[in-house]
Amino acid sequence: MLERLGDADAASFLQFAYAECPSRDFVSQTTCADVMTYLPCDILAKVDIASMAYGLECRSPFLDHNVAELAAWMPLKFKRKGKQGKQILLDTFGDLLPASIQNRPKMGFGVPLDSWFRNELKPLLFDVLLDQKSLDRGWFRPEAVRKLVDEHVTAKWDHSYRLWNLLILELWQQTFVDSTTVPTQPASF
């Protein structure tokens, strides 16, 4: 895998996005980079897949081009107050939102992979990633994979997303490359 990657630089994807807004402050540059990378390549794709699975049509009102353009050119002082983000929304709609919503910490949509890999999915992690066939593929250094698994399950470090990527890559390899026939149904965990 290292040979195939050659001199490719994964960071260039983000560096290109940051370069699109060179004269802006760091927060605005990061927002620009998110709009060009994280939103279309991750968040919006996931929302689309999940909503369409249930026949829902989702809208993202803050991504209306007029709203997005206004927010992009708005000075940072309107967007943040100290460490508090989304300041303009709180100032504008604060009287409509209960204090419990206004004051709670930011909440993402992540799944608890860290906990799952230490508990109910731990056997899957061991059975798949630490299987000798997986370790012998030569894609990754076996000692590095073992270290990631060990550090994670002993709660020394949260490697959940690295482990998830390795797990999915190995399951893909087993399903679509190792098998002689292509399955007609997706693999179940």
Protein backbone atom coordinates (compact mmCIF):
# COMPACT_ATOMS: atom_id res chain seq x y z
CA MET A 1 0.00 0.00 0.00
CA LEU A 2 2.85 2.37 0.80
CA GLU A 3 4.33 1.73 -2.64
CA ARG A 4 1.02 2.53 -4.34
CA LEU A 5 0.62 5.74 -2.35
CA GLY A 6 4.02 6.91 -3.53
CA ASP A 7 4.55 10.55 -2.64
CA ALA A 8 0.83 11.34 -2.32
CA ASP A 9 0.13 13.79 0.47
CA ALA A 10 -3.26 13.36 2.16
CA ALA A 11 -2.98 16.82 3.68
CA SER A 12 -3.00 18.44 0.23
CA PHE A 13 -6.76 17.87 0.02
CA LEU A 14 -7.30 20.17 3.01
CA GLN A 15 -4.48 22.56 2.12
CA PHE A 16 -6.15 23.19 -1.24
CA ALA A 17 -9.45 23.97 0.51
CA TYR A 18 -7.79 26.38 2.95
CA ALA A 19 -6.02 28.09 0.06
CA GLU A 20 -9.40 28.99 -1.46
CA CYS A 21 -9.87 31.68 1.24
CA PRO A 22 -6.33 32.97 1.80
CA SER A 23 -7.18 36.47 3.01
CA ARG A 24 -9.71 35.41 5.65
CA ASP A 25 -9.26 34.75 9.36
CA PHE A 26 -8.56 31.15 10.45
CA VAL A 27 -12.17 30.45 11.53
CA SER A 28 -13.52 31.62 8.16
CA GLN A 29 -10.84 29.62 6.32
CA THR A 30 -11.86 26.54 8.32
CA THR A 31 -15.51 27.13 7.48
CA CYS A 32 -14.57 27.43 3.80
CA ALA A 33 -12.56 24.21 4.00
CA ASP A 34 -15.50 22.45 5.69
CA VAL A 35 -17.90 23.61 2.98
CA MET A 36 -15.56 22.25 0.30
CA THR A 37 -14.62 18.97 1.98
CA TYR A 38 -16.36 17.78 5.14
CA LEU A 39 -19.91 18.77 4.17
CA PRO A 40 -20.09 17.26 0.65
CA CYS A 41 -17.72 14.35 1.27
CA ASP A 42 -19.09 13.27 4.65
CA ILE A 43 -21.98 14.94 6.48
CA LEU A 44 -24.32 15.70 3.57
CA ALA A 45 -23.64 12.32 1.96
CA LYS A 46 -24.51 10.52 5.21
CA VAL A 47 -27.69 12.54 5.72
CA ASP A 48 -28.72 11.81 2.14
CA ILE A 49 -28.11 8.06 2.49
CA ALA A 50 -29.88 7.82 5.85
CA SER A 51 -32.86 9.94 4.83
CA MET A 52 -33.37 8.26 1.47
CA ALA A 53 -33.30 4.84 3.16
CA TYR A 54 -36.55 5.90 4.82
CA GLY A 55 -38.01 7.86 1.92
CA LEU A 56 -37.37 11.23 3.56
CA GLU A 57 -36.37 14.37 1.74
CA CYS A 58 -34.09 16.41 4.01
CA ARG A 59 -33.29 20.06 3.65
CA SER A 60 -30.39 22.00 5.10
CA PRO A 61 -31.76 25.53 5.42
CA PHE A 62 -28.47 27.05 6.54
CA LEU A 63 -26.94 25.88 3.27
CA ASP A 64 -29.28 27.99 1.17
CA HIS A 65 -26.82 29.91 -1.02
CA ASN A 66 -28.05 33.31 0.20
CA VAL A 67 -27.66 32.32 3.87
CA ALA A 68 -24.30 30.67 3.26
CA GLU A 69 -22.95 33.68 1.34
CA LEU A 70 -24.11 36.08 4.04
CA ALA A 71 -22.50 33.96 6.75
CA ALA A 72 -19.28 33.65 4.73
CA TRP A 73 -18.82 37.40 4.53
CA MET A 74 -20.05 38.23 7.99
CA PRO A 75 -17.28 39.48 10.31
CA LEU A 76 -16.05 36.99 12.89
CA LYS A 77 -17.20 39.23 15.77
CA PHE A 78 -20.82 38.42 14.84
CA LYS A 79 -20.17 34.69 14.72
CA ARG A 80 -18.29 34.22 17.99
CA LYS A 81 -18.22 35.73 21.44
CA GLY A 82 -15.20 34.35 23.27
CA LYS A 83 -15.41 30.58 22.82
CA GLN A 84 -19.17 30.68 22.15
CA GLY A 85 -19.91 29.99 18.50
CA LYS A 86 -23.11 30.61 16.53
CA GLN A 87 -23.42 33.96 18.29
CA ILE A 88 -25.58 35.58 15.60
CA LEU A 89 -28.09 32.74 15.90
CA LEU A 90 -28.27 33.09 19.66
CA ASP A 91 -28.64 36.87 19.41
CA THR A 92 -31.31 36.57 16.72
CA PHE A 93 -33.33 33.59 17.96
CA GLY A 94 -32.39 33.39 21.63
CA ASP A 95 -35.86 34.41 22.77
CA LEU A 96 -37.30 31.42 20.90
CA LEU A 97 -34.93 28.79 22.32
CA PRO A 98 -35.01 27.43 25.86
CA ALA A 99 -31.88 28.03 27.95
CA SER A 100 -31.21 24.28 28.03
CA ILE A 101 -30.71 24.34 24.25
CA GLN A 102 -28.76 27.60 24.20
CA ASN A 103 -26.31 26.55 26.90
CA ARG A 104 -25.69 22.90 26.14
CA PRO A 105 -22.40 21.85 24.58
CA LYS A 106 -22.19 21.10 20.88
CA MET A 107 -23.47 17.64 20.01
CA GLY A 108 -22.40 15.70 16.95
CA PHE A 109 -23.88 12.73 15.17
CA GLY A 110 -21.08 10.29 15.91
CA VAL A 111 -21.70 6.71 16.93
CA PRO A 112 -20.00 5.42 20.10
CA LEU A 113 -17.35 3.40 18.30
CA ASP A 114 -14.90 3.85 21.15
CA SER A 115 -17.25 2.12 23.57
CA TRP A 116 -18.42 -0.52 21.08
CA PHE A 117 -14.83 -1.59 20.32
CA ARG A 118 -14.15 -1.95 24.04
CA ASN A 119 -17.34 -3.91 24.63
CA GLU A 120 -19.84 -5.54 22.25
CA LEU A 121 -17.71 -5.24 19.07
CA LYS A 122 -14.45 -6.18 20.76
CA PRO A 123 -14.70 -9.83 19.61
CA LEU A 124 -15.26 -8.68 16.01
CA LEU A 125 -12.22 -6.42 16.24
CA PHE A 126 -10.04 -9.29 17.47
CA ASP A 127 -11.50 -11.90 15.10
CA VAL A 128 -11.08 -9.74 12.01
CA LEU A 129 -8.10 -7.43 12.52
CA LEU A 130 -5.93 -9.79 14.53
CA ASP A 131 -6.69 -12.81 12.36
CA GLN A 132 -3.45 -14.17 10.91
CA LYS A 133 -4.74 -13.87 7.33
CA SER A 134 -5.43 -10.19 7.89
CA LEU A 135 -2.05 -9.60 9.53
CA ASP A 136 -0.25 -11.48 6.73
CA ARG A 137 -1.69 -9.34 3.92
CA GLY A 138 1.30 -7.02 4.16
CA TRP A 139 -0.75 -3.85 3.93
CA PHE A 140 0.05 -2.74 7.47
CA ARG A 141 2.71 -3.63 10.00
CA PRO A 142 1.16 -6.34 12.22
CA GLU A 143 2.78 -4.91 15.35
CA ALA A 144 1.24 -1.50 14.60
CA VAL A 145 -2.25 -3.04 14.19
CA ARG A 146 -1.83 -5.03 17.43
CA LYS A 147 -0.70 -1.86 19.21
CA LEU A 148 -3.73 0.11 18.00
CA VAL A 149 -6.09 -2.63 19.17
CA ASP A 150 -4.33 -3.04 22.52
CA GLU A 151 -4.16 0.69 23.27
CA HIS A 152 -7.81 1.06 22.40
CA VAL A 153 -9.29 -1.87 24.33
CA THR A 154 -7.22 -0.97 27.41
CA ALA A 155 -8.47 2.64 27.14
CA LYS A 156 -4.95 4.06 26.80
CA TRP A 157 -6.00 5.84 23.61
CA ASP A 158 -9.08 6.26 21.44
CA HIS A 159 -8.19 4.68 18.10
CA SER A 160 -11.81 3.94 17.24
CA TYR A 161 -11.88 5.67 13.86
CA ARG A 162 -8.55 4.18 12.76
CA LEU A 163 -9.78 0.75 13.84
CA TRP A 164 -13.12 1.26 12.07
CA ASN A 165 -11.31 2.08 8.82
CA LEU A 166 -9.04 -0.95 9.16
CA LEU A 167 -12.01 -3.17 10.02
CA ILE A 168 -14.07 -2.04 7.02
CA LEU A 169 -11.07 -2.38 4.70
CA GLU A 170 -10.45 -5.93 5.90
CA LEU A 171 -14.14 -6.90 5.66
CA TRP A 172 -14.23 -5.45 2.14
CA GLN A 173 -11.12 -7.46 1.26
CA GLN A 174 -12.69 -10.65 2.61
CA THR A 175 -16.03 -10.03 0.89
CA PHE A 176 -15.00 -8.76 -2.53
CA VAL A 177 -11.43 -9.88 -3.11
CA ASP A 178 -10.89 -13.11 -1.19
CA SER A 179 -14.17 -14.72 -2.20
CA THR A 180 -14.51 -16.21 -5.65
CA THR A 181 -18.08 -15.00 -6.07
CA VAL A 182 -19.48 -11.57 -5.49
CA PRO A 183 -22.23 -11.67 -2.86
CA THR A 184 -25.72 -10.64 -3.83
CA GLN A 185 -26.42 -9.18 -0.37
CA PRO A 186 -24.24 -6.95 1.77
CA ALA A 187 -22.17 -8.60 4.47
CA SER A 188 -23.79 -8.50 7.89
CA PHE A 189 -21.89 -7.81 11.05
